[in-house]
Amino acid sequence: MRTFSITDIGMIRKVNQDFLFSCENPIGPLPNLFLVADGMGGYQAGDYASRCCVDTMVSVVKESKLRSPIGIIESAIQAGNMAVFKDAEADASLYGMGTTIVATTIIGSELYVANVGDSRAYLIREGIHQITEDHSWVEDMIRSGNLARKDAKGHPNKNVITRAVGPAPVVQADFFELQVQEGDVILMCTDGLTNMVDDDQICSIVKNKADIALAGKELIRAANANGGRDNIGIVLIEV
């Protein structure tokens, strides 16, 4: 396994509210752990929320006595959610903050993924496949048949998410499990990448670069070249 992670503030934002964790080595009962969070809130609240969620999740995984990968990640997400929720309740300057989260671990040939919000995980093999499903107003409208996917990218409600870590004491995460094989690349990213670079271009960049570090840096460059309207957070995992 080879990994590369990078964040960039983008071309417009003054604060980077994306926060990443990438570890190829064992964390508690898991053989590896990767997290991507995109905070939201006021000037400092979004930055605080993403960091608080990720730090809490890592601590919980380290101490976990559970055996099921899904159970371990689920308990970590709930703990991260409660930590963000309690801190927002206790500090008026953090009120209303929240964060997305994408979590993955690879055990043998099995990939486990969890997500809340609109940050994503992709599998890149011959082509590109989005593993996660966005918890967003736009995605809900597409699923209900009230909005065409071709009209979603520029929609004024594109950034409205319907589920996040922090606003309520309990959060529902979605879980995905799939087989991976040698040569696969897993991409985890915030919407600062996917709103600026379409899936086909992402796939082309990853497949045409000599290594994932070069690919990650080129993805950042492409997002910024297309406007860089948000922070960009990327974790790449090559199986």
Protein backbone atom coordinates (compact mmCIF):
# COMPACT_ATOMS: atom_id res chain seq x y z
CA MET A 1 0.00 0.00 0.00
CA ARG A 2 1.17 3.51 -0.89
CA THR A 3 -0.58 6.66 0.24
CA PHE A 4 -0.46 10.41 -0.28
CA SER A 5 -2.48 13.15 1.41
CA ILE A 6 -2.63 16.89 0.78
CA THR A 7 -4.82 19.89 1.58
CA ASP A 8 -4.88 23.30 -0.05
CA ILE A 9 -6.71 26.47 0.96
CA GLY A 10 -7.81 27.16 -2.63
CA MET A 11 -7.93 30.51 -4.37
CA ILE A 12 -10.67 32.31 -2.42
CA ARG A 13 -11.08 31.09 1.18
CA LYS A 14 -9.08 32.68 4.00
CA VAL A 15 -9.19 29.61 6.29
CA ASN A 16 -8.63 25.94 5.44
CA GLN A 17 -11.51 24.03 7.05
CA ASP A 18 -10.51 20.66 5.56
CA PHE A 19 -8.70 18.24 7.88
CA LEU A 20 -7.15 14.87 7.03
CA PHE A 21 -5.75 11.83 8.80
CA SER A 22 -3.78 9.18 6.91
CA CYS A 23 -2.03 6.22 8.55
CA GLU A 24 -0.87 3.03 6.82
CA ASN A 25 0.05 1.47 10.18
CA PRO A 26 -2.22 -0.13 12.81
CA ILE A 27 -4.50 2.18 14.80
CA GLY A 28 -6.02 0.17 17.65
CA PRO A 29 -7.62 -2.95 16.11
CA LEU A 30 -7.55 -1.54 12.55
CA PRO A 31 -4.51 -2.17 10.30
CA ASN A 32 -4.81 1.33 8.78
CA LEU A 33 -7.12 4.33 8.90
CA PHE A 34 -7.88 7.26 6.59
CA LEU A 35 -10.18 10.19 7.35
CA VAL A 36 -11.26 13.25 5.38
CA ALA A 37 -13.37 16.02 6.95
CA ASP A 38 -14.72 19.28 5.56
CA GLY A 39 -15.79 21.66 8.30
CA MET A 40 -18.55 24.22 8.12
CA GLY A 41 -19.47 27.14 10.30
CA GLY A 42 -18.14 30.58 11.05
CA TYR A 43 -14.60 31.85 10.62
CA GLN A 44 -13.11 29.42 13.17
CA ALA A 45 -15.98 27.00 13.75
CA GLY A 46 -15.57 24.93 10.58
CA ASP A 47 -11.85 24.54 11.14
CA TYR A 48 -12.50 23.51 14.74
CA ALA A 49 -15.28 21.04 13.81
CA SER A 50 -13.27 19.07 11.26
CA ARG A 51 -10.21 18.85 13.52
CA CYS A 52 -12.28 17.95 16.60
CA CYS A 53 -14.13 15.19 14.75
CA VAL A 54 -11.00 13.63 13.27
CA ASP A 55 -8.96 13.83 16.49
CA THR A 56 -11.80 12.28 18.49
CA MET A 57 -12.29 9.49 15.97
CA VAL A 58 -8.59 8.59 15.99
CA SER A 59 -8.56 8.49 19.81
CA VAL A 60 -11.64 6.25 19.92
CA VAL A 61 -10.25 3.82 17.33
CA LYS A 62 -6.96 3.61 19.24
CA GLU A 63 -8.81 2.52 22.40
CA SER A 64 -11.50 0.40 20.76
CA LYS A 65 -12.11 -3.15 21.97
CA LEU A 66 -14.52 -3.92 19.14
CA ARG A 67 -13.67 -6.41 16.38
CA SER A 68 -15.98 -5.44 13.53
CA PRO A 69 -14.45 -2.75 11.27
CA ILE A 70 -17.89 -1.24 10.71
CA GLY A 71 -18.58 -1.27 14.45
CA ILE A 72 -15.24 0.40 15.19
CA ILE A 73 -15.80 3.16 12.62
CA GLU A 74 -19.45 3.63 13.64
CA SER A 75 -18.53 4.12 17.30
CA ALA A 76 -15.77 6.55 16.31
CA ILE A 77 -18.15 8.61 14.15
CA GLN A 78 -20.72 8.80 16.95
CA ALA A 79 -18.01 9.88 19.39
CA GLY A 80 -16.73 12.49 16.95
CA ASN A 81 -20.28 13.73 16.43
CA MET A 82 -20.92 14.06 20.17
CA ALA A 83 -17.62 15.89 20.71
CA VAL A 84 -18.48 18.47 18.04
CA PHE A 85 -22.07 18.78 19.30
CA LYS A 86 -21.05 19.32 22.94
CA ASP A 87 -18.38 21.88 22.09
CA ALA A 88 -20.85 23.81 19.92
CA GLU A 89 -23.36 23.81 22.78
CA ALA A 90 -20.74 25.05 25.25
CA ASP A 91 -19.22 27.87 23.16
CA ALA A 92 -21.40 30.48 21.45
CA SER A 93 -18.65 31.23 18.91
CA LEU A 94 -18.86 27.62 17.70
CA TYR A 95 -22.65 27.40 17.59
CA GLY A 96 -24.02 25.67 14.49
CA MET A 97 -20.70 24.17 13.41
CA GLY A 98 -20.49 20.81 11.73
CA THR A 99 -18.36 18.74 9.40
CA THR A 100 -18.53 16.06 6.76
CA ILE A 101 -16.56 12.87 7.28
CA VAL A 102 -15.32 10.05 5.06
CA ALA A 103 -13.56 7.15 6.78
CA THR A 104 -11.89 4.13 5.19
CA THR A 105 -9.85 1.14 6.21
CA ILE A 106 -8.49 -1.72 4.07
CA ILE A 107 -8.29 -5.19 5.60
CA GLY A 108 -6.81 -7.72 3.21
CA SER A 109 -8.73 -7.25 -0.02
CA GLU A 110 -11.75 -5.71 1.71
CA LEU A 111 -12.37 -1.96 1.67
CA TYR A 112 -14.67 -0.50 4.32
CA VAL A 113 -16.01 3.03 3.80
CA ALA A 114 -18.27 5.27 5.88
CA ASN A 115 -19.50 8.77 5.12
CA VAL A 116 -21.61 11.62 6.38
CA GLY A 117 -22.16 14.66 4.14
CA ASP A 118 -20.89 15.34 0.64
CA SER A 119 -17.19 14.53 0.87
CA ARG A 120 -16.56 11.45 -1.24
CA ALA A 121 -14.69 8.20 -1.73
CA TYR A 122 -13.97 6.86 -5.21
CA LEU A 123 -12.55 3.62 -6.60
CA ILE A 124 -10.31 4.18 -9.63
CA ARG A 125 -9.59 1.04 -11.64
CA GLU A 126 -10.20 0.96 -15.40
CA GLY A 127 -12.51 3.92 -14.84
CA ILE A 128 -13.78 5.86 -11.85
CA HIS A 129 -16.61 4.77 -9.54
CA GLN A 130 -18.06 6.90 -6.75
CA ILE A 131 -18.41 4.66 -3.70
CA THR A 132 -20.19 7.06 -1.37
CA GLU A 133 -23.52 8.81 -1.92
CA ASP A 134 -23.73 12.52 -1.15
CA HIS A 135 -26.03 13.62 1.64
CA SER A 136 -27.06 16.80 -0.14
CA TRP A 137 -30.16 18.61 -1.35
CA VAL A 138 -29.06 18.21 -4.96
CA GLU A 139 -28.47 14.46 -4.63
CA ASP A 140 -31.87 14.02 -2.95
CA MET A 141 -33.50 15.85 -5.87
CA ILE A 142 -31.64 13.66 -8.40
CA ARG A 143 -32.69 10.47 -6.60
CA SER A 144 -36.31 11.62 -6.52
CA GLY A 145 -36.24 12.37 -10.26
CA ASN A 146 -36.79 16.12 -9.81
CA LEU A 147 -33.37 17.20 -11.06
CA ALA A 148 -31.21 15.92 -13.92
CA ARG A 149 -27.61 15.12 -13.00
CA LYS A 150 -26.39 17.30 -15.86
CA ASP A 151 -28.08 20.29 -14.18
CA ALA A 152 -26.67 19.59 -10.72
CA LYS A 153 -23.14 20.98 -11.03
CA GLY A 154 -24.12 24.62 -11.34
CA HIS A 155 -27.25 24.48 -9.19
CA PRO A 156 -27.53 27.30 -6.60
CA ASN A 157 -28.22 24.73 -3.85
CA LYS A 158 -25.18 22.62 -4.78
CA ASN A 159 -23.51 23.17 -1.40
CA VAL A 160 -26.57 22.48 0.78
CA ILE A 161 -25.95 19.26 2.68
CA THR A 162 -28.68 17.29 4.41
CA ARG A 163 -26.56 15.38 6.92
CA ALA A 164 -23.48 16.40 8.89
CA VAL A 165 -21.44 15.54 11.96
CA GLY A 166 -22.17 17.87 14.89
CA PRO A 167 -25.55 19.61 14.57
CA ALA A 168 -27.43 16.90 16.53
CA PRO A 169 -26.41 14.51 19.33
CA VAL A 170 -26.69 11.45 17.05
CA VAL A 171 -25.81 11.15 13.36
CA GLN A 172 -26.51 8.46 10.77
CA ALA A 173 -23.54 7.36 8.68
CA ASP A 174 -23.72 5.28 5.51
CA PHE A 175 -21.44 2.25 5.16
CA PHE A 176 -20.04 0.55 2.07
CA GLU A 177 -17.95 -2.60 1.64
CA LEU A 178 -16.24 -3.76 -1.54
CA GLN A 179 -13.37 -5.86 -2.83
CA VAL A 180 -10.19 -4.16 -4.00
CA GLN A 181 -7.32 -5.57 -6.04
CA GLU A 182 -3.71 -4.74 -6.74
CA GLY A 183 -3.37 -1.53 -8.72
CA ASP A 184 -6.64 0.00 -7.49
CA VAL A 185 -6.52 3.59 -6.26
CA ILE A 186 -8.91 4.86 -3.60
CA LEU A 187 -9.51 8.61 -3.70
CA MET A 188 -11.06 10.37 -0.69
CA CYS A 189 -11.76 14.05 -1.15
CA THR A 190 -13.77 17.10 -0.17
CA ASP A 191 -16.09 18.94 -2.52
CA GLY A 192 -13.41 21.54 -3.14
CA LEU A 193 -12.04 19.01 -5.62
CA THR A 194 -15.24 17.52 -7.06
CA ASN A 195 -16.95 20.89 -7.61
CA MET A 196 -13.95 22.11 -9.61
CA VAL A 197 -12.80 18.97 -11.47
CA ASP A 198 -15.18 16.48 -13.06
CA ASP A 199 -14.88 12.74 -12.51
CA ASP A 200 -13.43 11.94 -15.93
CA GLN A 201 -10.64 14.50 -15.50
CA ILE A 202 -9.92 13.20 -11.98
CA CYS A 203 -9.64 9.66 -13.37
CA SER A 204 -7.37 10.78 -16.21
CA ILE A 205 -5.03 12.66 -13.87
CA VAL A 206 -4.71 9.74 -11.45
CA LYS A 207 -4.16 7.13 -14.17
CA ASN A 208 -1.70 9.19 -16.23
CA LYS A 209 0.66 10.27 -13.45
CA ALA A 210 3.68 8.15 -12.58
CA ASP A 211 2.79 8.01 -8.89
CA ILE A 212 -0.01 9.08 -6.57
CA ALA A 213 1.99 11.96 -5.07
CA LEU A 214 2.27 13.57 -8.49
CA ALA A 215 -1.41 12.80 -9.11
CA GLY A 216 -2.46 14.43 -5.84
CA LYS A 217 -0.52 17.60 -6.57
CA GLU A 218 -1.94 17.75 -10.09
CA LEU A 219 -5.48 17.39 -8.74
CA ILE A 220 -4.87 20.41 -6.50
CA ARG A 221 -3.47 22.36 -9.42
CA ALA A 222 -6.45 21.48 -11.60
CA ALA A 223 -8.97 22.49 -8.94
CA ASN A 224 -7.26 25.84 -8.45
CA ALA A 225 -6.91 26.39 -12.20
CA ASN A 226 -10.68 25.92 -12.50
CA GLY A 227 -11.39 28.56 -9.86
CA GLY A 228 -10.37 27.02 -6.53
CA ARG A 229 -13.55 28.28 -4.88
CA ASP A 230 -13.18 26.09 -1.79
CA ASN A 231 -10.57 24.30 0.29
CA ILE A 232 -9.34 21.07 -1.27
CA GLY A 233 -8.61 17.94 0.75
CA ILE A 234 -7.31 14.73 -0.85
CA VAL A 235 -6.20 11.29 0.36
CA LEU A 236 -4.99 8.80 -2.28
CA ILE A 237 -4.45 5.12 -1.43
CA GLU A 238 -2.83 2.79 -3.96
CA VAL A 239 -3.47 -0.87 -3.24
